[in-house]
C-alpha atoms as a PDB file:
ATOM      1  CA  MET A   1      71.361 137.910 127.009  1.00  0.00           C
ATOM      2  CA  LYS A   2      72.210 135.353 129.252  1.00  0.00           C
ATOM      3  CA  THR A   3      71.379 136.616 133.127  1.00  0.00           C
ATOM      4  CA  MET A   4      74.983 135.483 135.527  1.00  0.00           C
ATOM      5  CA  TYR A   5      73.764 135.099 139.188  1.00  0.00           C
ATOM      6  CA  THR A   6      75.434 134.388 142.517  1.00  0.00           C
ATOM      7  CA  THR A   7      74.300 132.748 146.321  1.00  0.00           C
ATOM      8  CA  TYR A   8      76.695 133.496 148.831  1.00  0.00           C
ATOM      9  CA  HIS A   9      74.748 131.908 151.945  1.00  0.00           C
ATOM     10  CA  LEU A  10      76.885 133.153 155.699  1.00  0.00           C
ATOM     11  CA  ALA A  11      76.228 131.689 158.686  1.00  0.00           C
ATOM     12  CA  SER A  12      76.290 136.272 159.987  1.00  0.00           C
ATOM     13  CA  ALA A  13      76.374 138.890 158.906  1.00  0.00           C
ATOM     14  CA  GLN A  14      80.045 139.140 161.030  1.00  0.00           C
ATOM     15  CA  ASP A  15      81.504 136.314 158.360  1.00  0.00           C
ATOM     16  CA  LEU A  16      81.450 138.783 155.525  1.00  0.00           C
ATOM     17  CA  THR A  17      84.587 139.788 154.628  1.00  0.00           C
ATOM     18  CA  VAL A  18      86.018 142.305 152.135  1.00  0.00           C
ATOM     19  CA  ASP A  19      87.464 139.055 150.795  1.00  0.00           C
ATOM     20  CA  ILE A  20      83.668 138.350 149.484  1.00  0.00           C
ATOM     21  CA  LEU A  21      83.360 141.604 147.881  1.00  0.00           C
ATOM     22  CA  GLU A  22      86.694 141.341 145.896  1.00  0.00           C
ATOM     23  CA  ALA A  23      84.861 138.419 145.086  1.00  0.00           C
ATOM     24  CA  ILE A  24      81.631 140.706 143.003  1.00  0.00           C
ATOM     25  CA  LYS A  25      83.942 143.268 142.230  1.00  0.00           C
ATOM     26  CA  ALA A  26      86.083 140.848 139.897  1.00  0.00           C
ATOM     27  CA  ASN A  27      83.368 138.679 138.849  1.00  0.00           C
ATOM     28  CA  PHE A  28      80.371 141.126 137.363  1.00  0.00           C
ATOM     29  CA  LYS A  29      83.930 143.746 137.238  1.00  0.00           C
ATOM     30  CA  SER A  30      81.489 146.608 134.833  1.00  0.00           C
ATOM     31  CA  LYS A  31      78.036 145.732 134.844  1.00  0.00           C
ATOM     32  CA  PRO A  32      75.783 146.847 136.533  1.00  0.00           C
ATOM     33  CA  ILE A  33      74.565 144.917 139.340  1.00  0.00           C
ATOM     34  CA  VAL A  34      71.593 144.364 142.474  1.00  0.00           C
ATOM     35  CA  ILE A  35      72.410 143.350 146.103  1.00  0.00           C
ATOM     36  CA  THR A  36      70.020 142.008 147.733  1.00  0.00           C
ATOM     37  CA  VAL A  37      70.452 141.327 151.664  1.00  0.00           C
ATOM     38  CA  GLU A  38      67.330 138.596 152.986  1.00  0.00           C
ATOM     39  CA  GLU A  39      67.769 136.548 156.297  1.00  0.00           C
ATOM     40  CA  GLU A  40      67.963 132.720 155.561  1.00  0.00           C
ATOM     41  CA  MET A  41      65.343 130.540 156.743  1.00  0.00           C
ATOM     42  CA  ASP A  42      65.570 127.855 158.511  1.00  0.00           C
ATOM     43  CA  ASN A  43      64.625 124.208 157.191  1.00  0.00           C
ATOM     44  CA  THR A  44      61.686 123.889 159.580  1.00  0.00           C
ATOM     45  CA  THR A  45      60.159 127.481 159.115  1.00  0.00           C
ATOM     46  CA  TYR A  46      60.234 126.261 155.425  1.00  0.00           C
ATOM     47  CA  LEU A  47      58.699 123.005 155.433  1.00  0.00           C
ATOM     48  CA  ASN A  48      56.147 124.719 157.698  1.00  0.00           C
ATOM     49  CA  SER A  49      56.074 127.874 155.021  1.00  0.00           C
ATOM     50  CA  THR A  50      52.902 126.071 153.037  1.00  0.00           C
ATOM     51  CA  LYS A  51      50.025 124.111 153.624  1.00  0.00           C
ATOM     52  CA  ALA A  52      51.403 120.362 152.303  1.00  0.00           C
ATOM     53  CA  ASN A  53      54.804 120.838 153.432  1.00  0.00           C
ATOM     54  CA  LYS A  54      53.508 121.621 156.889  1.00  0.00           C
ATOM     55  CA  LYS A  55      50.935 117.878 156.614  1.00  0.00           C
ATOM     56  CA  MET A  56      53.282 115.700 154.976  1.00  0.00           C
ATOM     57  CA  LEU A  57      55.829 117.000 157.998  1.00  0.00           C
ATOM     58  CA  HIS A  58      53.031 116.958 160.514  1.00  0.00           C
ATOM     59  CA  ASP A  59      51.701 113.407 159.229  1.00  0.00           C
ATOM     60  CA  SER A  60      56.347 112.190 159.261  1.00  0.00           C
ATOM     61  CA  ILE A  61      56.419 112.734 162.825  1.00  0.00           C
ATOM     62  CA  VAL A  62      53.753 110.707 163.666  1.00  0.00           C
ATOM     63  CA  GLN A  63      54.852 108.066 161.073  1.00  0.00           C
ATOM     64  CA  ASP A  64      57.419 108.419 163.262  1.00  0.00           C
ATOM     65  CA  GLU A  65      55.878 107.963 166.608  1.00  0.00           C
ATOM     66  CA  ASN A  66      53.656 105.133 165.494  1.00  0.00           C
ATOM     67  CA  GLY A  67      57.161 102.917 164.789  1.00  0.00           C
ATOM     68  CA  GLU A  68      55.885 103.114 160.839  1.00  0.00           C
ATOM     69  CA  TYR A  69      59.374 103.601 159.586  1.00  0.00           C
ATOM     70  CA  ILE A  70      59.277 104.209 154.709  1.00  0.00           C
ATOM     71  CA  ALA A  71      62.208 102.336 153.447  1.00  0.00           C
ATOM     72  CA  VAL A  72      63.451 104.471 150.645  1.00  0.00           C
ATOM     73  CA  LYS A  73      66.071 103.013 147.488  1.00  0.00           C
ATOM     74  CA  LEU A  74      68.548 105.872 146.251  1.00  0.00           C
END
């Protein structure tokens, strides 16, 4: 069985509209659903959420303060 999911990212709870609810109803029709609401983590909090990420962020800040730049080719 294929599980279907959709994620909505809103700037604030004030952006929740009837249109979003109608879209959920249209997409999932009569299927049972679960709605979970959680506060979105900002980038800095996310980067500090693990020891490895926190160290990498700190090292990058120190490199920047020392004028050390790493060229990245995409």
